[in-house]
Structure formats: structure tokens, C-alpha cells
Amino acid sequence: MTALIAQKILGVSGRKIAMRVVGVVAAFGLATACTTSDSGGPSNQAMGTLAGAAIGGTVGGLAFGSAGGIVGGALVGALAGNLVGRALDQQERARLAQATQSAFVADTNVPTTYTVEPTTASPRPATVVAARPVAPPTTRADGSTCRPIELTATKNGQTSTETTTFCKASGSADLKPVSV
């Protein structure tokens, strides 16, 4: 029905609409594919967007049998895939934040480590995040408590490590990274 409306209003056939949709989805896919992860490959968000667009377009085309179904399915699929891909990256950040919280209150310098498994069938290895206190906590004049924490993340075989000082205001549970 969408194709018929477009054909009457725009004077464009369903085949031309489908070709335009394919062009738009391909351009969107290329733009998203340019988003890379720290390892240089496509990010989880980019891969989710592409996979979602492909699956959504296929399902929309099969379900509605029209170019409009393909377009709608591809757009909805791309949006859903983008959100899922972003959540995967957020899952890794959330685990690193948990490790940092644990390291901040730890009595020893033993690292708190989490392994974040890929949520899809992927040859990609698990991401490992860790946080380790490198000095005892200190109290500042304003009453906040600060502690340097070594943060380590191993993703796709590449490890990055940095030491950041985190502070917690008196009476608060929130950690804030600070420059010292």
C-alpha cells in the first residue's frame, strides 16, 4: 500500500523506491561502518546497526511485501541494532565501574577483575576489565576521600592501562575521577 501511495503521489514505481531504499541503507551502513572500536575494527554499535538494518529490511519486506515494508523494517532494525550494540559497550563500562568501586574500598592491592562475555555468537574474545588500588586512601581538607586506582581493560587482544585518582565526597557514594 505504501508503494502504491508513493507511486501515485511521486510517480515512482516500487522498484525505484526499493532501489532508493537500498541506496539509503547502504549509505547509512557505510557511515556507521566508519565508526571503529579501539582495536580498529567496527564497533559493537556499528555492527548492531548493520545487522539490525539487514534483518529488519528482510523481515519487513517479507511481512509486508512492499518497498515500504523494506524501508520501515530496515529503519526499525537499524535503530534496534544500534541500541543493542551500544548497550554491549555500556556493559563493559558498567563492569569497569563496579570494579573501580570495589577497588576504592579494598583493604589490599589485589585487583577486582570482571570478564564480560560477548552476548552474541561471535569469534570475538571476552573483554576483561580490572581495577586495582595503587595507594591507600587519603582524606582531603574538604572531607572527601581520594585514592589512585589502576584501570586495565583487555579487549580484542589489546590491553590498555591507566592510573586515575578517584574521589568520593563526604556522605556520598559516587566516585568522581579527578586530576591531581
Protein backbone atom coordinates (compact mmCIF):
# COMPACT_ATOMS: atom_id res chain seq x y z
CA MET A 1 0.00 0.00 0.00
CA THR A 2 2.86 2.39 0.84
CA ALA A 3 4.37 1.65 -2.55
CA LEU A 4 1.04 2.44 -4.26
CA ILE A 5 0.70 5.75 -2.42
CA ALA A 6 4.30 6.67 -3.28
CA GLN A 7 3.70 5.64 -6.89
CA LYS A 8 0.59 7.83 -7.21
CA ILE A 9 1.99 10.83 -5.34
CA LEU A 10 5.56 10.73 -6.58
CA GLY A 11 5.05 8.88 -9.83
CA VAL A 12 7.72 6.42 -8.74
CA SER A 13 7.41 2.66 -9.08
CA GLY A 14 8.01 0.18 -6.27
CA ARG A 15 11.24 -0.93 -7.92
CA LYS A 16 12.60 2.62 -7.95
CA ILE A 17 11.58 3.09 -4.32
CA ALA A 18 13.31 -0.15 -3.38
CA MET A 19 16.47 0.96 -5.20
CA ARG A 20 16.43 4.28 -3.36
CA VAL A 21 15.92 2.50 -0.06
CA VAL A 22 18.81 0.17 -0.79
CA GLY A 23 20.94 3.22 -1.57
CA VAL A 24 19.96 4.99 1.65
CA VAL A 25 20.53 1.89 3.77
CA ALA A 26 23.89 1.28 2.06
CA ALA A 27 24.96 4.89 2.68
CA PHE A 28 23.83 4.63 6.29
CA GLY A 29 25.71 1.35 6.62
CA LEU A 30 28.90 2.84 5.20
CA ALA A 31 28.67 5.83 7.52
CA THR A 32 28.11 3.56 10.52
CA ALA A 33 30.90 1.19 9.45
CA CYS A 34 33.32 4.10 9.71
CA THR A 35 32.74 4.03 13.47
CA THR A 36 35.54 1.85 14.79
CA SER A 37 36.38 0.34 18.12
CA ASP A 38 39.63 0.88 19.98
CA SER A 39 41.10 -2.14 18.18
CA GLY A 40 40.42 -0.63 14.76
CA GLY A 41 37.54 -2.95 13.81
CA PRO A 42 33.91 -1.97 13.63
CA SER A 43 32.36 -1.11 16.99
CA ASN A 44 29.60 -3.19 18.57
CA GLN A 45 27.27 -0.29 17.87
CA ALA A 46 28.19 -0.22 14.15
CA MET A 47 27.81 -3.98 13.80
CA GLY A 48 24.45 -3.88 15.59
CA THR A 49 23.20 -1.13 13.28
CA LEU A 50 24.20 -3.01 10.12
CA ALA A 51 22.84 -6.35 11.28
CA GLY A 52 19.61 -4.76 12.52
CA ALA A 53 19.05 -2.94 9.21
CA ALA A 54 19.65 -6.09 7.19
CA ILE A 55 17.41 -8.29 9.32
CA GLY A 56 14.72 -5.61 9.71
CA GLY A 57 14.64 -4.90 5.97
CA THR A 58 14.32 -8.59 5.18
CA VAL A 59 11.57 -9.18 7.73
CA GLY A 60 9.73 -6.01 6.70
CA GLY A 61 9.89 -6.95 3.04
CA LEU A 62 8.65 -10.48 3.69
CA ALA A 63 5.93 -9.39 6.09
CA PHE A 64 4.51 -6.53 4.03
CA GLY A 65 5.64 -7.49 0.52
CA SER A 66 6.37 -3.89 -0.38
CA ALA A 67 9.16 -1.36 -0.62
CA GLY A 68 7.58 0.46 2.31
CA GLY A 69 7.88 -2.69 4.39
CA ILE A 70 11.53 -2.96 3.48
CA VAL A 71 12.16 0.69 4.37
CA GLY A 72 10.26 0.55 7.64
CA GLY A 73 11.81 -2.75 8.64
CA ALA A 74 15.33 -1.56 7.82
CA LEU A 75 14.91 1.67 9.79
CA VAL A 76 13.40 -0.04 12.84
CA GLY A 77 16.00 -2.82 12.65
CA ALA A 78 18.88 -0.33 12.34
CA LEU A 79 17.66 1.61 15.37
CA ALA A 80 17.19 -1.53 17.47
CA GLY A 81 20.58 -2.92 16.41
CA ASN A 82 22.28 0.39 17.20
CA LEU A 83 20.80 0.43 20.71
CA VAL A 84 21.77 -3.20 21.38
CA GLY A 85 25.31 -2.59 20.11
CA ARG A 86 25.68 0.48 22.32
CA ALA A 87 24.43 -1.48 25.33
CA LEU A 88 27.19 -4.05 24.83
CA ASP A 89 29.80 -1.31 25.10
CA GLN A 90 27.97 0.09 28.12
CA GLN A 91 28.02 -3.35 29.75
CA GLU A 92 31.82 -3.32 29.64
CA ARG A 93 31.91 0.21 31.11
CA ALA A 94 29.46 -0.79 33.83
CA ARG A 95 31.66 -3.71 34.87
CA LEU A 96 34.73 -1.44 34.97
CA ALA A 97 32.77 0.98 37.19
CA GLN A 98 31.86 -1.91 39.53
CA ALA A 99 35.50 -2.99 39.68
CA THR A 100 36.54 0.60 40.45
CA GLN A 101 34.01 0.86 43.30
CA SER A 102 35.33 -2.41 44.79
CA ALA A 103 38.96 -1.35 44.42
CA PHE A 104 38.25 2.02 46.06
CA VAL A 105 37.13 0.36 49.32
CA ALA A 106 39.51 -2.63 49.18
CA ASP A 107 41.90 -3.29 52.08
CA THR A 108 44.54 -4.85 49.80
CA ASN A 109 46.05 -4.06 46.40
CA VAL A 110 44.51 -7.17 44.82
CA PRO A 111 42.72 -6.26 41.58
CA THR A 112 38.98 -6.69 41.17
CA THR A 113 38.50 -8.35 37.78
CA TYR A 114 35.41 -8.98 35.66
CA THR A 115 35.10 -10.89 32.41
CA VAL A 116 32.44 -9.62 30.02
CA GLU A 117 31.44 -12.35 27.60
CA PRO A 118 30.13 -11.42 24.15
CA THR A 119 26.35 -11.67 24.17
CA THR A 120 26.19 -12.93 20.58
CA ALA A 121 27.76 -15.92 18.90
CA SER A 122 30.99 -14.24 17.89
CA PRO A 123 34.59 -15.25 17.42
CA ARG A 124 35.41 -12.13 19.44
CA PRO A 125 37.11 -12.97 22.76
CA ALA A 126 35.67 -11.87 26.07
CA THR A 127 36.59 -8.43 27.38
CA VAL A 128 38.42 -8.41 30.72
CA VAL A 129 38.29 -5.30 32.91
CA ALA A 130 40.12 -4.80 36.20
CA ALA A 131 40.69 -2.13 38.83
CA ARG A 132 43.46 -2.20 41.44
CA PRO A 133 44.22 0.32 44.18
CA VAL A 134 47.82 1.55 43.94
CA ALA A 135 47.97 3.53 47.21
CA PRO A 136 45.95 3.84 50.42
CA PRO A 137 43.03 6.28 50.54
CA THR A 138 43.72 9.85 51.67
CA THR A 139 41.36 12.45 53.12
CA ARG A 140 41.36 15.97 51.69
CA ALA A 141 40.69 19.22 53.56
CA ASP A 142 37.12 19.32 52.19
CA GLY A 143 36.43 15.90 53.77
CA SER A 144 36.45 13.93 50.54
CA THR A 145 38.34 10.65 50.33
CA CYS A 146 40.63 10.05 47.33
CA ARG A 147 42.51 7.02 46.08
CA PRO A 148 44.54 6.29 42.93
CA ILE A 149 43.20 3.27 41.02
CA GLU A 150 44.91 1.44 38.16
CA LEU A 151 42.32 0.61 35.49
CA THR A 152 43.03 -2.13 32.96
CA ALA A 153 40.92 -3.29 30.03
CA THR A 154 41.75 -6.10 27.60
CA LYS A 155 39.51 -6.08 24.55
CA ASN A 156 40.11 -7.96 21.31
CA GLY A 157 43.59 -8.92 22.48
CA GLN A 158 44.76 -5.36 23.21
CA THR A 159 45.38 -4.19 26.77
CA SER A 160 45.28 -0.60 27.94
CA THR A 161 46.16 0.54 31.44
CA GLU A 162 45.89 3.92 33.12
CA THR A 163 46.03 5.17 36.67
CA THR A 164 43.34 7.64 37.73
CA THR A 165 42.67 9.19 41.11
CA PHE A 166 39.05 8.88 42.22
CA CYS A 167 37.45 10.91 45.00
CA LYS A 168 34.26 10.41 46.96
CA ALA A 169 32.66 13.41 48.68
CA SER A 170 31.84 13.06 52.35
CA GLY A 171 28.42 11.41 52.69
CA SER A 172 28.26 10.41 49.02
CA ALA A 173 28.60 7.04 47.33
CA ASP A 174 29.57 8.49 43.93
CA LEU A 175 33.17 8.25 42.75
CA LYS A 176 34.49 11.06 40.58
CA PRO A 177 37.77 10.95 38.62
CA VAL A 178 39.97 13.95 39.47
CA SER A 179 43.22 15.49 38.29
CA VAL A 180 45.87 15.82 40.97
